[in-house]
Amino acid sequence: MPKSRPGRELKRKLLPLALLTACAAPPPVNAPPAPSAEPVATLPTAPAATAPSAPAPPASDETASAPAAAPSEITVPAVDAQPLPKGTLVLQIGDSFAAALGVELGKLFKGAGLRSALEYKTASYIPNWSYEGDVPKFVSSYQPDLVLITLGANEIEIPKPEERIKPIKHLISTLGGRPCVWVAPPLWKPDTGLLKVIHDNIAPCRYLDSNLLVHDLPRGRDKIHPSSEGRQIWAKVVFDWLAKERAGSTKLPWALKPEPTAN
């Protein structure tokens, strides 16, 4: 069996970011990347935008999309929530889907008086984020009030998704007990059960099922990542979900409501 491919170069920046559309084939499930496989860059004291290592997609990549339902046909849930806690910081981590969501979501956070940071690696996988040591450094540096995780798209077809249980649980343990939400990627094809494995093993974090909230999401030229229009739709749905599910407390302004119990 081939060795796992290491995660690509870490992209570190505060919003806004250049949107990336790379999505890679999954690595072998039995060989999680070793923590020392790739050196971790030192966090800068004043984060600055860096150019991505992959070639930038053509301009038409952002505007071209596969046939999809018009925005008016996509239902965005109404929000019944208290005002968001201004000045708090939301950290989002993940793969290229995190990058696709993070820029538009960051604009919504800024409009609501919140701060946000996005840390992503293109073509990365759950074991990368669990074992390579970046997450504890980000948590220590940013001191986020809420952490969003967007991972799984590159592993959606692995034959034994249960082998991701251990790295999923370890990743959650590195967040230091902060409120967190795993934002599932909007699928472009059926998965082999990975999303259920994620859902069942991220407590006390919440699970946001993008596939229940958005349908026929407009896709870019690769027919995988959301187009510019799709990213705006997805970001609005995630923003509204977070506002609705926030419970808040004196010590934890981004405390979330408990996971709904199955009927």
C-alpha atoms as a PDB file:
ATOM      1  CA  MET A   1       0.000   0.000   0.000  1.00  0.00           C
ATOM      2  CA  PRO A   2       1.425   3.458  -0.853  1.00  0.00           C
ATOM      3  CA  LYS A   3       2.483   5.780   1.885  1.00  0.00           C
ATOM      4  CA  SER A   4       0.215   8.615   2.959  1.00  0.00           C
ATOM      5  CA  ARG A   5       0.828  11.820   1.085  1.00  0.00           C
ATOM      6  CA  PRO A   6       1.928  14.618   3.411  1.00  0.00           C
ATOM      7  CA  GLY A   7      -0.219  17.695   3.814  1.00  0.00           C
ATOM      8  CA  ARG A   8       0.711  20.537   1.494  1.00  0.00           C
ATOM      9  CA  GLU A   9       2.114  23.872   2.510  1.00  0.00           C
ATOM     10  CA  LEU A  10       0.269  25.530   5.359  1.00  0.00           C
ATOM     11  CA  LYS A  11      -1.631  28.639   4.333  1.00  0.00           C
ATOM     12  CA  ARG A  12      -1.788  31.175   7.134  1.00  0.00           C
ATOM     13  CA  LYS A  13      -3.613  34.429   6.942  1.00  0.00           C
ATOM     14  CA  LEU A  14      -6.428  36.521   8.291  1.00  0.00           C
ATOM     15  CA  LEU A  15      -9.324  37.292   5.964  1.00  0.00           C
ATOM     16  CA  PRO A  16      -9.642  38.113   3.126  1.00  0.00           C
ATOM     17  CA  LEU A  17      -7.946  35.176   1.345  1.00  0.00           C
ATOM     18  CA  ALA A  18      -7.548  34.013  -2.227  1.00  0.00           C
ATOM     19  CA  LEU A  19     -10.075  31.244  -2.830  1.00  0.00           C
ATOM     20  CA  LEU A  20      -8.654  27.891  -3.733  1.00  0.00           C
ATOM     21  CA  THR A  21     -10.301  25.104  -5.639  1.00  0.00           C
ATOM     22  CA  ALA A  22      -7.830  22.267  -5.237  1.00  0.00           C
ATOM     23  CA  CYS A  23      -9.217  18.973  -3.988  1.00  0.00           C
ATOM     24  CA  ALA A  24      -7.101  15.842  -3.913  1.00  0.00           C
ATOM     25  CA  ALA A  25      -7.680  12.135  -3.792  1.00  0.00           C
ATOM     26  CA  PRO A  26      -7.707  10.652  -0.263  1.00  0.00           C
ATOM     27  CA  PRO A  27      -4.590   9.133   1.327  1.00  0.00           C
ATOM     28  CA  PRO A  28      -4.407   5.523   2.560  1.00  0.00           C
ATOM     29  CA  VAL A  29      -6.499   5.216   5.700  1.00  0.00           C
ATOM     30  CA  ASN A  30      -4.132   2.955   7.591  1.00  0.00           C
ATOM     31  CA  ALA A  31      -1.175   5.314   7.664  1.00  0.00           C
ATOM     32  CA  PRO A  32      -1.919   8.663   9.385  1.00  0.00           C
ATOM     33  CA  PRO A  33       0.802  11.236   8.697  1.00  0.00           C
ATOM     34  CA  ALA A  34       3.525  11.287  11.344  1.00  0.00           C
ATOM     35  CA  PRO A  35       3.732  14.449  13.453  1.00  0.00           C
ATOM     36  CA  SER A  36       7.252  15.082  12.229  1.00  0.00           C
ATOM     37  CA  ALA A  37       6.471  14.593   8.540  1.00  0.00           C
ATOM     38  CA  GLU A  38       6.394  18.295   7.846  1.00  0.00           C
ATOM     39  CA  PRO A  39       7.869  21.121   9.945  1.00  0.00           C
ATOM     40  CA  VAL A  40       5.375  23.576  11.341  1.00  0.00           C
ATOM     41  CA  ALA A  41       5.900  27.217  10.503  1.00  0.00           C
ATOM     42  CA  THR A  42       6.230  29.661  13.387  1.00  0.00           C
ATOM     43  CA  LEU A  43       3.123  31.775  13.832  1.00  0.00           C
ATOM     44  CA  PRO A  44       3.812  35.403  12.937  1.00  0.00           C
ATOM     45  CA  THR A  45       3.100  38.146  15.439  1.00  0.00           C
ATOM     46  CA  ALA A  46       1.295  40.087  12.748  1.00  0.00           C
ATOM     47  CA  PRO A  47      -0.251  37.614  10.267  1.00  0.00           C
ATOM     48  CA  ALA A  48       0.276  38.637   6.688  1.00  0.00           C
ATOM     49  CA  ALA A  49      -1.215  37.223   3.513  1.00  0.00           C
ATOM     50  CA  THR A  50       1.021  34.816   1.626  1.00  0.00           C
ATOM     51  CA  ALA A  51       0.616  33.621  -1.905  1.00  0.00           C
ATOM     52  CA  PRO A  52      -0.661  30.016  -2.258  1.00  0.00           C
ATOM     53  CA  SER A  53       1.730  27.437  -3.629  1.00  0.00           C
ATOM     54  CA  ALA A  54      -0.784  26.119  -6.119  1.00  0.00           C
ATOM     55  CA  PRO A  55      -1.446  28.153  -9.296  1.00  0.00           C
ATOM     56  CA  ALA A  56      -4.371  30.506  -8.943  1.00  0.00           C
ATOM     57  CA  PRO A  57      -7.520  29.317 -10.765  1.00  0.00           C
ATOM     58  CA  PRO A  58      -8.584  31.248 -13.851  1.00  0.00           C
ATOM     59  CA  ALA A  59     -11.010  34.080 -13.307  1.00  0.00           C
ATOM     60  CA  SER A  60     -13.780  32.112 -14.966  1.00  0.00           C
ATOM     61  CA  ASP A  61     -13.403  29.414 -12.324  1.00  0.00           C
ATOM     62  CA  GLU A  62     -15.166  31.601  -9.804  1.00  0.00           C
ATOM     63  CA  THR A  63     -18.051  32.522 -12.024  1.00  0.00           C
ATOM     64  CA  ALA A  64     -18.620  29.384 -14.060  1.00  0.00           C
ATOM     65  CA  SER A  65     -20.867  26.847 -12.405  1.00  0.00           C
ATOM     66  CA  ALA A  66     -22.598  23.620 -13.205  1.00  0.00           C
ATOM     67  CA  PRO A  67     -26.348  23.760 -13.857  1.00  0.00           C
ATOM     68  CA  ALA A  68     -28.037  24.267 -10.537  1.00  0.00           C
ATOM     69  CA  ALA A  69     -31.162  25.655  -8.956  1.00  0.00           C
ATOM     70  CA  ALA A  70     -31.505  29.423  -8.920  1.00  0.00           C
ATOM     71  CA  PRO A  71     -30.771  31.096  -5.568  1.00  0.00           C
ATOM     72  CA  SER A  72     -34.470  31.789  -5.105  1.00  0.00           C
ATOM     73  CA  GLU A  73     -35.101  28.048  -5.059  1.00  0.00           C
ATOM     74  CA  ILE A  74     -32.733  27.470  -2.154  1.00  0.00           C
ATOM     75  CA  THR A  75     -34.384  27.917   1.212  1.00  0.00           C
ATOM     76  CA  VAL A  76     -32.355  29.644   3.918  1.00  0.00           C
ATOM     77  CA  PRO A  77     -33.787  29.073   7.408  1.00  0.00           C
ATOM     78  CA  ALA A  78     -35.082  32.106   9.249  1.00  0.00           C
ATOM     79  CA  VAL A  79     -33.045  33.076  12.281  1.00  0.00           C
ATOM     80  CA  ASP A  80     -34.573  33.526  15.720  1.00  0.00           C
ATOM     81  CA  ALA A  81     -31.563  34.393  17.845  1.00  0.00           C
ATOM     82  CA  GLN A  82     -30.073  36.938  20.214  1.00  0.00           C
ATOM     83  CA  PRO A  83     -27.431  39.372  18.914  1.00  0.00           C
ATOM     84  CA  LEU A  84     -24.012  37.854  18.382  1.00  0.00           C
ATOM     85  CA  PRO A  85     -21.261  38.654  20.914  1.00  0.00           C
ATOM     86  CA  LYS A  86     -19.351  41.527  19.319  1.00  0.00           C
ATOM     87  CA  GLY A  87     -15.581  41.469  19.554  1.00  0.00           C
ATOM     88  CA  THR A  88     -15.350  37.696  19.961  1.00  0.00           C
ATOM     89  CA  LEU A  89     -13.067  35.735  17.636  1.00  0.00           C
ATOM     90  CA  VAL A  90     -14.049  32.764  15.468  1.00  0.00           C
ATOM     91  CA  LEU A  91     -11.254  30.515  14.172  1.00  0.00           C
ATOM     92  CA  GLN A  92     -11.923  28.291  11.165  1.00  0.00           C
ATOM     93  CA  ILE A  93      -9.578  25.444  10.215  1.00  0.00           C
ATOM     94  CA  GLY A  94      -9.669  22.841   7.473  1.00  0.00           C
ATOM     95  CA  ASP A  95      -9.046  22.040   3.821  1.00  0.00           C
ATOM     96  CA  SER A  96      -9.924  23.826   0.576  1.00  0.00           C
ATOM     97  CA  PHE A  97     -13.631  23.713   1.501  1.00  0.00           C
ATOM     98  CA  ALA A  98     -12.765  25.678   4.643  1.00  0.00           C
ATOM     99  CA  ALA A  99     -11.110  28.254   2.388  1.00  0.00           C
ATOM    100  CA  ALA A 100     -14.161  28.350   0.124  1.00  0.00           C
ATOM    101  CA  LEU A 101     -16.474  28.943   3.078  1.00  0.00           C
ATOM    102  CA  GLY A 102     -14.175  31.064   5.210  1.00  0.00           C
ATOM    103  CA  VAL A 103     -13.837  34.193   3.097  1.00  0.00           C
ATOM    104  CA  GLU A 104     -17.579  34.799   2.682  1.00  0.00           C
ATOM    105  CA  LEU A 105     -18.287  33.736   6.260  1.00  0.00           C
ATOM    106  CA  GLY A 106     -15.628  36.145   7.482  1.00  0.00           C
ATOM    107  CA  LYS A 107     -17.402  39.007   5.733  1.00  0.00           C
ATOM    108  CA  LEU A 108     -20.608  38.155   7.594  1.00  0.00           C
ATOM    109  CA  PHE A 109     -18.765  37.952  10.912  1.00  0.00           C
ATOM    110  CA  LYS A 110     -17.154  41.337  10.294  1.00  0.00           C
ATOM    111  CA  GLY A 111     -20.530  42.860   9.485  1.00  0.00           C
ATOM    112  CA  ALA A 112     -21.836  41.579  12.827  1.00  0.00           C
ATOM    113  CA  GLY A 113     -18.919  43.079  14.751  1.00  0.00           C
ATOM    114  CA  LEU A 114     -16.991  39.839  15.204  1.00  0.00           C
ATOM    115  CA  ARG A 115     -13.367  38.988  14.432  1.00  0.00           C
ATOM    116  CA  SER A 116     -12.381  35.900  12.479  1.00  0.00           C
ATOM    117  CA  ALA A 117      -9.308  33.979  11.370  1.00  0.00           C
ATOM    118  CA  LEU A 118      -8.914  31.259   8.757  1.00  0.00           C
ATOM    119  CA  GLU A 119      -6.166  28.630   8.720  1.00  0.00           C
ATOM    120  CA  TYR A 120      -6.315  26.059   5.936  1.00  0.00           C
ATOM    121  CA  LYS A 121      -4.224  23.530   4.040  1.00  0.00           C
ATOM    122  CA  THR A 122      -5.216  22.493   0.558  1.00  0.00           C
ATOM    123  CA  ALA A 123      -5.539  18.743  -0.018  1.00  0.00           C
ATOM    124  CA  SER A 124      -5.320  18.032   3.711  1.00  0.00           C
ATOM    125  CA  TYR A 125      -6.938  15.302   5.757  1.00  0.00           C
ATOM    126  CA  ILE A 126      -8.248  14.698   9.276  1.00  0.00           C
ATOM    127  CA  PRO A 127      -5.032  12.931  10.443  1.00  0.00           C
ATOM    128  CA  ASN A 128      -2.936  15.900   9.242  1.00  0.00           C
ATOM    129  CA  TRP A 129      -4.845  18.281  11.483  1.00  0.00           C
ATOM    130  CA  SER A 130      -5.010  15.813  14.356  1.00  0.00           C
ATOM    131  CA  TYR A 131      -1.354  14.823  14.631  1.00  0.00           C
ATOM    132  CA  GLU A 132       0.885  17.482  13.061  1.00  0.00           C
ATOM    133  CA  GLY A 133       0.640  19.925  15.958  1.00  0.00           C
ATOM    134  CA  ASP A 134      -0.762  23.003  14.210  1.00  0.00           C
ATOM    135  CA  VAL A 135      -4.101  23.169  16.009  1.00  0.00           C
ATOM    136  CA  PRO A 136      -2.739  23.660  19.553  1.00  0.00           C
ATOM    137  CA  LYS A 137      -0.511  26.464  18.228  1.00  0.00           C
ATOM    138  CA  PHE A 138      -3.446  28.186  16.525  1.00  0.00           C
ATOM    139  CA  VAL A 139      -5.595  27.871  19.641  1.00  0.00           C
ATOM    140  CA  SER A 140      -2.810  29.302  21.804  1.00  0.00           C
ATOM    141  CA  SER A 141      -2.102  32.148  19.373  1.00  0.00           C
ATOM    142  CA  TYR A 142      -5.647  33.247  18.552  1.00  0.00           C
ATOM    143  CA  GLN A 143      -7.418  32.309  21.801  1.00  0.00           C
ATOM    144  CA  PRO A 144     -10.661  31.816  19.831  1.00  0.00           C
ATOM    145  CA  ASP A 145     -14.099  31.938  21.392  1.00  0.00           C
ATOM    146  CA  LEU A 146     -15.421  29.512  18.771  1.00  0.00           C
ATOM    147  CA  VAL A 147     -13.662  27.006  16.500  1.00  0.00           C
ATOM    148  CA  LEU A 148     -15.112  25.834  13.174  1.00  0.00           C
ATOM    149  CA  ILE A 149     -13.722  22.694  11.525  1.00  0.00           C
ATOM    150  CA  THR A 150     -14.336  21.944   7.850  1.00  0.00           C
ATOM    151  CA  LEU A 151     -12.713  18.627   6.948  1.00  0.00           C
ATOM    152  CA  GLY A 152     -13.650  15.359   5.273  1.00  0.00           C
ATOM    153  CA  ALA A 153     -14.114  16.292   1.628  1.00  0.00           C
ATOM    154  CA  ASN A 154     -10.821  14.697   0.573  1.00  0.00           C
ATOM    155  CA  GLU A 155     -11.627  11.478   2.434  1.00  0.00           C
ATOM    156  CA  ILE A 156     -15.245  11.029   1.461  1.00  0.00           C
ATOM    157  CA  GLU A 157     -14.615   7.765  -0.408  1.00  0.00           C
ATOM    158  CA  ILE A 158     -12.322   5.946   2.020  1.00  0.00           C
ATOM    159  CA  PRO A 159     -13.413   2.273   2.283  1.00  0.00           C
ATOM    160  CA  LYS A 160     -13.145   2.087   6.097  1.00  0.00           C
ATOM    161  CA  PRO A 161     -14.311   5.420   7.532  1.00  0.00           C
ATOM    162  CA  GLU A 162     -14.316   3.977  11.060  1.00  0.00           C
ATOM    163  CA  GLU A 163     -10.518   4.197  10.952  1.00  0.00           C
ATOM    164  CA  ARG A 164     -10.917   7.964  11.268  1.00  0.00           C
ATOM    165  CA  ILE A 165     -12.516   7.701  14.721  1.00  0.00           C
ATOM    166  CA  LYS A 166      -9.253   7.951  16.653  1.00  0.00           C
ATOM    167  CA  PRO A 167      -7.856  10.998  14.786  1.00  0.00           C
ATOM    168  CA  ILE A 168     -11.250  12.728  14.969  1.00  0.00           C
ATOM    169  CA  LYS A 169     -11.403  12.348  18.743  1.00  0.00           C
ATOM    170  CA  HIS A 170      -7.785  13.400  19.135  1.00  0.00           C
ATOM    171  CA  LEU A 171      -8.376  16.518  17.024  1.00  0.00           C
ATOM    172  CA  ILE A 172     -11.318  17.560  19.197  1.00  0.00           C
ATOM    173  CA  SER A 173      -9.191  17.059  22.324  1.00  0.00           C
ATOM    174  CA  THR A 174      -6.661  19.649  21.068  1.00  0.00           C
ATOM    175  CA  LEU A 175      -9.225  22.487  21.155  1.00  0.00           C
ATOM    176  CA  GLY A 176      -8.946  22.976  24.909  1.00  0.00           C
ATOM    177  CA  GLY A 177     -12.662  22.624  25.614  1.00  0.00           C
ATOM    178  CA  ARG A 178     -13.645  25.621  23.499  1.00  0.00           C
ATOM    179  CA  PRO A 179     -17.067  25.705  21.812  1.00  0.00           C
ATOM    180  CA  CYS A 180     -16.682  24.157  18.395  1.00  0.00           C
ATOM    181  CA  VAL A 181     -18.680  23.149  15.339  1.00  0.00           C
ATOM    182  CA  TRP A 182     -17.730  20.649  12.635  1.00  0.00           C
ATOM    183  CA  VAL A 183     -19.132  22.071   9.408  1.00  0.00           C
ATOM    184  CA  ALA A 184     -19.648  19.139   7.057  1.00  0.00           C
ATOM    185  CA  PRO A 185     -18.749  19.839   3.415  1.00  0.00           C
ATOM    186  CA  PRO A 186     -21.660  20.026   0.952  1.00  0.00           C
ATOM    187  CA  LEU A 187     -21.265  16.772  -0.960  1.00  0.00           C
ATOM    188  CA  TRP A 188     -21.048  16.458  -4.718  1.00  0.00           C
ATOM    189  CA  LYS A 189     -21.272  12.634  -4.562  1.00  0.00           C
ATOM    190  CA  PRO A 190     -22.257   9.980  -1.999  1.00  0.00           C
ATOM    191  CA  ASP A 191     -19.824   9.180   0.800  1.00  0.00           C
ATOM    192  CA  THR A 192     -18.932   5.811   2.306  1.00  0.00           C
ATOM    193  CA  GLY A 193     -20.129   6.703   5.795  1.00  0.00           C
ATOM    194  CA  LEU A 194     -17.458   9.207   6.863  1.00  0.00           C
ATOM    195  CA  LEU A 195     -19.921  11.983   7.713  1.00  0.00           C
ATOM    196  CA  LYS A 196     -21.785   9.714  10.119  1.00  0.00           C
ATOM    197  CA  VAL A 197     -18.481   8.719  11.739  1.00  0.00           C
ATOM    198  CA  ILE A 198     -17.675  12.416  12.177  1.00  0.00           C
ATOM    199  CA  HIS A 199     -21.126  13.168  13.586  1.00  0.00           C
ATOM    200  CA  ASP A 200     -20.897  10.350  16.123  1.00  0.00           C
ATOM    201  CA  ASN A 201     -17.406  11.130  17.426  1.00  0.00           C
ATOM    202  CA  ILE A 202     -17.040  14.914  17.852  1.00  0.00           C
ATOM    203  CA  ALA A 203     -18.753  15.469  21.211  1.00  0.00           C
ATOM    204  CA  PRO A 204     -18.856  17.951  22.880  1.00  0.00           C
ATOM    205  CA  CYS A 205     -18.615  19.814  19.552  1.00  0.00           C
ATOM    206  CA  ARG A 206     -21.732  20.336  17.473  1.00  0.00           C
ATOM    207  CA  TYR A 207     -22.240  18.984  13.954  1.00  0.00           C
ATOM    208  CA  LEU A 208     -23.565  21.239  11.197  1.00  0.00           C
ATOM    209  CA  ASP A 209     -24.947  19.155   8.341  1.00  0.00           C
ATOM    210  CA  SER A 210     -24.555  21.416   5.317  1.00  0.00           C
ATOM    211  CA  ASN A 211     -26.274  18.807   3.161  1.00  0.00           C
ATOM    212  CA  LEU A 212     -29.527  19.205   5.083  1.00  0.00           C
ATOM    213  CA  LEU A 213     -29.461  22.994   4.808  1.00  0.00           C
ATOM    214  CA  VAL A 214     -28.427  23.582   1.200  1.00  0.00           C
ATOM    215  CA  HIS A 215     -29.472  21.702  -1.930  1.00  0.00           C
ATOM    216  CA  ASP A 216     -28.362  21.997  -5.550  1.00  0.00           C
ATOM    217  CA  LEU A 217     -25.544  24.275  -4.433  1.00  0.00           C
ATOM    218  CA  PRO A 218     -24.004  26.068  -7.443  1.00  0.00           C
ATOM    219  CA  ARG A 219     -20.569  24.581  -8.142  1.00  0.00           C
ATOM    220  CA  GLY A 220     -17.487  25.943  -9.841  1.00  0.00           C
ATOM    221  CA  ARG A 221     -15.863  24.657 -13.014  1.00  0.00           C
ATOM    222  CA  ASP A 222     -14.452  21.615 -11.180  1.00  0.00           C
ATOM    223  CA  LYS A 223     -18.043  20.666 -10.203  1.00  0.00           C
ATOM    224  CA  ILE A 224     -16.777  20.032  -6.665  1.00  0.00           C
ATOM    225  CA  HIS A 225     -16.178  23.303  -4.823  1.00  0.00           C
ATOM    226  CA  PRO A 226     -18.967  25.886  -4.556  1.00  0.00           C
ATOM    227  CA  SER A 227     -18.887  28.691  -7.106  1.00  0.00           C
ATOM    228  CA  SER A 228     -18.781  32.322  -5.933  1.00  0.00           C
ATOM    229  CA  GLU A 229     -22.570  32.286  -5.740  1.00  0.00           C
ATOM    230  CA  GLY A 230     -22.555  28.920  -3.968  1.00  0.00           C
ATOM    231  CA  ARG A 231     -20.056  30.146  -1.396  1.00  0.00           C
ATOM    232  CA  GLN A 232     -22.246  33.092  -0.511  1.00  0.00           C
ATOM    233  CA  ILE A 233     -25.276  30.826  -0.098  1.00  0.00           C
ATOM    234  CA  TRP A 234     -23.354  28.330   2.021  1.00  0.00           C
ATOM    235  CA  ALA A 235     -21.820  31.050   4.211  1.00  0.00           C
ATOM    236  CA  LYS A 236     -25.214  32.653   4.876  1.00  0.00           C
ATOM    237  CA  VAL A 237     -26.702  29.306   5.903  1.00  0.00           C
ATOM    238  CA  VAL A 238     -23.785  28.576   8.255  1.00  0.00           C
ATOM    239  CA  PHE A 239     -23.899  32.078   9.744  1.00  0.00           C
ATOM    240  CA  ASP A 240     -27.635  31.825  10.416  1.00  0.00           C
ATOM    241  CA  TRP A 241     -27.262  28.344  11.926  1.00  0.00           C
ATOM    242  CA  LEU A 242     -24.564  29.569  14.309  1.00  0.00           C
ATOM    243  CA  ALA A 243     -26.679  32.538  15.375  1.00  0.00           C
ATOM    244  CA  LYS A 244     -29.675  30.306  16.017  1.00  0.00           C
ATOM    245  CA  GLU A 245     -27.769  27.589  17.889  1.00  0.00           C
ATOM    246  CA  ARG A 246     -25.770  29.934  20.132  1.00  0.00           C
ATOM    247  CA  ALA A 247     -26.803  29.780  23.776  1.00  0.00           C
ATOM    248  CA  GLY A 248     -24.078  31.952  25.262  1.00  0.00           C
ATOM    249  CA  SER A 249     -22.972  32.384  28.858  1.00  0.00           C
ATOM    250  CA  THR A 250     -20.957  34.820  30.942  1.00  0.00           C
ATOM    251  CA  LYS A 251     -17.765  32.781  30.626  1.00  0.00           C
ATOM    252  CA  LEU A 252     -18.407  31.299  27.178  1.00  0.00           C
ATOM    253  CA  PRO A 253     -20.127  33.817  24.876  1.00  0.00           C
ATOM    254  CA  TRP A 254     -20.150  31.200  22.089  1.00  0.00           C
ATOM    255  CA  ALA A 255     -21.547  28.337  24.160  1.00  0.00           C
ATOM    256  CA  LEU A 256     -23.897  26.343  21.921  1.00  0.00           C
ATOM    257  CA  LYS A 257     -27.183  24.627  22.547  1.00  0.00           C
ATOM    258  CA  PRO A 258     -26.992  20.867  23.198  1.00  0.00           C
ATOM    259  CA  GLU A 259     -27.075  18.472  20.267  1.00  0.00           C
ATOM    260  CA  PRO A 260     -30.741  17.623  19.537  1.00  0.00           C
ATOM    261  CA  THR A 261     -31.676  14.138  20.658  1.00  0.00           C
ATOM    262  CA  ALA A 262     -32.884  11.678  18.023  1.00  0.00           C
ATOM    263  CA  ASN A 263     -36.588  10.867  18.144  1.00  0.00           C
END
